[in-house]
Amino acid sequence: MLLFTAWITLAALLMYCWIFINVGRARATYAVQAPSCDGPPAFQSVLRVQANTVEQMALFLPLLWICAYSWSDRWAAAGGALWVVGRIIYALGYYQAPKKRSAGFMIASLATLYLLLASIISLALRSGLSG
């Protein structure tokens, strides 16, 4: 059973809920009615965090589960936890100023790369492609 990976998946989804709630709050604060995406830079930053996070989740979630299944629940969950922390740092930085998003983006990107490489290597070893 992949319990650690399941918990990290829930953590990622809760983090995403926090981000889309922030978009709703920003819409109210800056009086930006849906479906409009135009507004002051502070609103656009909050909206961009949400859009970028959903883009990244499309890559992150399959890699998290492939890594957990093919290699290790605990090691996949560790990479997933790092990704969630990176995305939170990314969001908090971007909310302050777009230039402050880099550290969180780098942390999450490295976590994604870790999950990708671990998945490829573990699947290759399981498939007998290692030699």
C-alpha atoms as a PDB file:
ATOM      1  CA  MET A   1       0.000   0.000   0.000  1.00  0.00           C
ATOM      2  CA  LEU A   2       1.301   3.431  -0.931  1.00  0.00           C
ATOM      3  CA  LEU A   3       0.172   5.354   2.155  1.00  0.00           C
ATOM      4  CA  PHE A   4       2.912   7.983   2.205  1.00  0.00           C
ATOM      5  CA  THR A   5       2.306   8.831  -1.438  1.00  0.00           C
ATOM      6  CA  ALA A   6      -1.437   9.061  -0.788  1.00  0.00           C
ATOM      7  CA  TRP A   7      -0.816  11.521   2.073  1.00  0.00           C
ATOM      8  CA  ILE A   8       1.454  13.641  -0.122  1.00  0.00           C
ATOM      9  CA  THR A   9      -1.184  13.618  -2.862  1.00  0.00           C
ATOM     10  CA  LEU A  10      -3.684  14.962  -0.336  1.00  0.00           C
ATOM     11  CA  ALA A  11      -1.158  17.589   0.799  1.00  0.00           C
ATOM     12  CA  ALA A  12      -0.668  18.690  -2.826  1.00  0.00           C
ATOM     13  CA  LEU A  13      -4.419  18.932  -3.352  1.00  0.00           C
ATOM     14  CA  LEU A  14      -4.877  20.904  -0.122  1.00  0.00           C
ATOM     15  CA  MET A  15      -2.089  23.256  -1.207  1.00  0.00           C
ATOM     16  CA  TYR A  16      -3.893  23.716  -4.517  1.00  0.00           C
ATOM     17  CA  CYS A  17      -7.179  24.435  -2.692  1.00  0.00           C
ATOM     18  CA  TRP A  18      -5.393  27.163  -0.721  1.00  0.00           C
ATOM     19  CA  ILE A  19      -4.107  28.651  -3.995  1.00  0.00           C
ATOM     20  CA  PHE A  20      -7.475  28.717  -5.746  1.00  0.00           C
ATOM     21  CA  ILE A  21      -9.133  30.182  -2.636  1.00  0.00           C
ATOM     22  CA  ASN A  22      -6.509  32.934  -2.860  1.00  0.00           C
ATOM     23  CA  VAL A  23      -7.655  33.632  -6.437  1.00  0.00           C
ATOM     24  CA  GLY A  24     -11.241  34.023  -5.220  1.00  0.00           C
ATOM     25  CA  ARG A  25     -10.110  36.382  -2.483  1.00  0.00           C
ATOM     26  CA  ALA A  26      -8.048  38.383  -4.973  1.00  0.00           C
ATOM     27  CA  ARG A  27     -11.045  38.646  -7.313  1.00  0.00           C
ATOM     28  CA  ALA A  28     -13.068  40.128  -4.465  1.00  0.00           C
ATOM     29  CA  THR A  29     -10.253  42.412  -3.275  1.00  0.00           C
ATOM     30  CA  TYR A  30      -9.501  43.821  -6.736  1.00  0.00           C
ATOM     31  CA  ALA A  31     -13.099  43.647  -8.071  1.00  0.00           C
ATOM     32  CA  VAL A  32     -12.162  41.403 -10.990  1.00  0.00           C
ATOM     33  CA  GLN A  33     -15.300  39.620 -12.126  1.00  0.00           C
ATOM     34  CA  ALA A  34     -15.030  36.181 -13.722  1.00  0.00           C
ATOM     35  CA  PRO A  35     -14.249  35.345 -16.468  1.00  0.00           C
ATOM     36  CA  SER A  36     -11.973  38.379 -16.697  1.00  0.00           C
ATOM     37  CA  CYS A  37      -8.289  37.799 -16.048  1.00  0.00           C
ATOM     38  CA  ASP A  38      -7.353  41.463 -16.305  1.00  0.00           C
ATOM     39  CA  GLY A  39      -6.612  43.377 -13.162  1.00  0.00           C
ATOM     40  CA  PRO A  40      -3.819  45.023 -11.280  1.00  0.00           C
ATOM     41  CA  PRO A  41      -0.415  43.292 -11.108  1.00  0.00           C
ATOM     42  CA  ALA A  42      -1.140  41.963  -7.609  1.00  0.00           C
ATOM     43  CA  PHE A  43      -4.231  40.161  -8.929  1.00  0.00           C
ATOM     44  CA  GLN A  44      -2.376  38.873 -11.977  1.00  0.00           C
ATOM     45  CA  SER A  45       0.337  37.439  -9.717  1.00  0.00           C
ATOM     46  CA  VAL A  46      -2.201  35.475  -7.670  1.00  0.00           C
ATOM     47  CA  LEU A  47      -3.868  34.214 -10.844  1.00  0.00           C
ATOM     48  CA  ARG A  48      -0.511  33.265 -12.377  1.00  0.00           C
ATOM     49  CA  VAL A  49       0.420  31.232  -9.283  1.00  0.00           C
ATOM     50  CA  GLN A  50      -2.799  29.258  -9.702  1.00  0.00           C
ATOM     51  CA  ALA A  51      -2.296  28.708 -13.433  1.00  0.00           C
ATOM     52  CA  ASN A  52       1.348  27.690 -13.078  1.00  0.00           C
ATOM     53  CA  THR A  53       0.542  25.321 -10.216  1.00  0.00           C
ATOM     54  CA  VAL A  54      -2.119  23.519 -12.227  1.00  0.00           C
ATOM     55  CA  GLU A  55       0.327  23.268 -15.149  1.00  0.00           C
ATOM     56  CA  GLN A  56       2.953  21.741 -12.867  1.00  0.00           C
ATOM     57  CA  MET A  57       0.502  19.336 -11.202  1.00  0.00           C
ATOM     58  CA  ALA A  58      -0.149  17.678 -14.572  1.00  0.00           C
ATOM     59  CA  LEU A  59       3.492  16.554 -14.571  1.00  0.00           C
ATOM     60  CA  PHE A  60       3.960  16.098 -10.825  1.00  0.00           C
ATOM     61  CA  LEU A  61       1.068  13.773  -9.940  1.00  0.00           C
ATOM     62  CA  PRO A  62       1.746  11.023 -12.508  1.00  0.00           C
ATOM     63  CA  LEU A  63       5.472  11.092 -11.729  1.00  0.00           C
ATOM     64  CA  LEU A  64       4.771  10.880  -7.998  1.00  0.00           C
ATOM     65  CA  TRP A  65       2.680   7.744  -8.438  1.00  0.00           C
ATOM     66  CA  ILE A  66       4.918   6.113 -11.047  1.00  0.00           C
ATOM     67  CA  CYS A  67       7.900   6.621  -8.743  1.00  0.00           C
ATOM     68  CA  ALA A  68       5.996   5.261  -5.739  1.00  0.00           C
ATOM     69  CA  TYR A  69       4.819   2.195  -7.625  1.00  0.00           C
ATOM     70  CA  SER A  70       8.052   1.398  -9.414  1.00  0.00           C
ATOM     71  CA  TRP A  71      10.592   2.346  -6.751  1.00  0.00           C
ATOM     72  CA  SER A  72       9.522   3.308  -3.239  1.00  0.00           C
ATOM     73  CA  ASP A  73       6.522   4.786  -1.475  1.00  0.00           C
ATOM     74  CA  ARG A  74       8.722   6.611   1.048  1.00  0.00           C
ATOM     75  CA  TRP A  75      11.217   7.996  -1.488  1.00  0.00           C
ATOM     76  CA  ALA A  76       8.446   9.143  -3.816  1.00  0.00           C
ATOM     77  CA  ALA A  77       6.662  10.778  -0.894  1.00  0.00           C
ATOM     78  CA  ALA A  78       9.886  12.545   0.108  1.00  0.00           C
ATOM     79  CA  GLY A  79      10.188  13.994  -3.398  1.00  0.00           C
ATOM     80  CA  GLY A  80       6.508  14.873  -3.330  1.00  0.00           C
ATOM     81  CA  ALA A  81       6.820  16.626   0.020  1.00  0.00           C
ATOM     82  CA  LEU A  82       9.708  18.665  -1.357  1.00  0.00           C
ATOM     83  CA  TRP A  83       7.565  19.598  -4.360  1.00  0.00           C
ATOM     84  CA  VAL A  84       4.679  20.758  -2.133  1.00  0.00           C
ATOM     85  CA  VAL A  85       7.033  22.851   0.016  1.00  0.00           C
ATOM     86  CA  GLY A  86       8.584  24.327  -3.127  1.00  0.00           C
ATOM     87  CA  ARG A  87       5.182  25.277  -4.520  1.00  0.00           C
ATOM     88  CA  ILE A  88       4.214  26.965  -1.244  1.00  0.00           C
ATOM     89  CA  ILE A  89       7.475  28.935  -1.239  1.00  0.00           C
ATOM     90  CA  TYR A  90       6.850  29.782  -4.902  1.00  0.00           C
ATOM     91  CA  ALA A  91       3.349  31.078  -4.149  1.00  0.00           C
ATOM     92  CA  LEU A  92       4.348  33.112  -1.120  1.00  0.00           C
ATOM     93  CA  GLY A  93       7.260  34.637  -3.025  1.00  0.00           C
ATOM     94  CA  TYR A  94       5.167  35.437  -6.106  1.00  0.00           C
ATOM     95  CA  TYR A  95       2.472  37.048  -3.936  1.00  0.00           C
ATOM     96  CA  GLN A  96       5.119  39.440  -2.590  1.00  0.00           C
ATOM     97  CA  ALA A  97       6.797  40.186  -5.928  1.00  0.00           C
ATOM     98  CA  PRO A  98       7.140  38.112  -9.122  1.00  0.00           C
ATOM     99  CA  LYS A  99      10.938  38.165  -8.848  1.00  0.00           C
ATOM    100  CA  LYS A 100      10.693  36.370  -5.482  1.00  0.00           C
ATOM    101  CA  ARG A 101       9.235  33.206  -7.040  1.00  0.00           C
ATOM    102  CA  SER A 102      12.561  31.741  -8.188  1.00  0.00           C
ATOM    103  CA  ALA A 103      13.587  29.816  -5.048  1.00  0.00           C
ATOM    104  CA  GLY A 104      10.274  27.991  -4.791  1.00  0.00           C
ATOM    105  CA  PHE A 105      10.196  27.304  -8.511  1.00  0.00           C
ATOM    106  CA  MET A 106      13.702  25.832  -8.353  1.00  0.00           C
ATOM    107  CA  ILE A 107      12.871  23.612  -5.343  1.00  0.00           C
ATOM    108  CA  ALA A 108       9.726  22.250  -7.008  1.00  0.00           C
ATOM    109  CA  SER A 109      11.512  21.804 -10.339  1.00  0.00           C
ATOM    110  CA  LEU A 110      14.304  19.811  -8.718  1.00  0.00           C
ATOM    111  CA  ALA A 111      11.726  17.651  -6.939  1.00  0.00           C
ATOM    112  CA  THR A 112      10.002  17.007 -10.273  1.00  0.00           C
ATOM    113  CA  LEU A 113      13.322  16.139 -11.899  1.00  0.00           C
ATOM    114  CA  TYR A 114      14.097  13.754  -9.020  1.00  0.00           C
ATOM    115  CA  LEU A 115      10.730  12.009  -9.479  1.00  0.00           C
ATOM    116  CA  LEU A 116      11.257  11.811 -13.240  1.00  0.00           C
ATOM    117  CA  LEU A 117      14.758  10.337 -13.014  1.00  0.00           C
ATOM    118  CA  ALA A 118      13.808   7.949 -10.213  1.00  0.00           C
ATOM    119  CA  SER A 119      10.831   6.757 -12.263  1.00  0.00           C
ATOM    120  CA  ILE A 120      12.873   6.238 -15.418  1.00  0.00           C
ATOM    121  CA  ILE A 121      15.694   4.419 -13.612  1.00  0.00           C
ATOM    122  CA  SER A 122      13.409   2.202 -11.543  1.00  0.00           C
ATOM    123  CA  LEU A 123      11.244   1.284 -14.535  1.00  0.00           C
ATOM    124  CA  ALA A 124      14.342   0.555 -16.612  1.00  0.00           C
ATOM    125  CA  LEU A 125      15.722  -1.715 -13.883  1.00  0.00           C
ATOM    126  CA  ARG A 126      12.381  -3.497 -13.497  1.00  0.00           C
ATOM    127  CA  SER A 127      12.087  -3.919 -17.276  1.00  0.00           C
ATOM    128  CA  GLY A 128      15.574  -5.335 -17.664  1.00  0.00           C
ATOM    129  CA  LEU A 129      16.686  -2.361 -19.768  1.00  0.00           C
ATOM    130  CA  SER A 130      19.709  -1.704 -17.596  1.00  0.00           C
ATOM    131  CA  GLY A 131      22.005  -3.970 -19.492  1.00  0.00           C
END
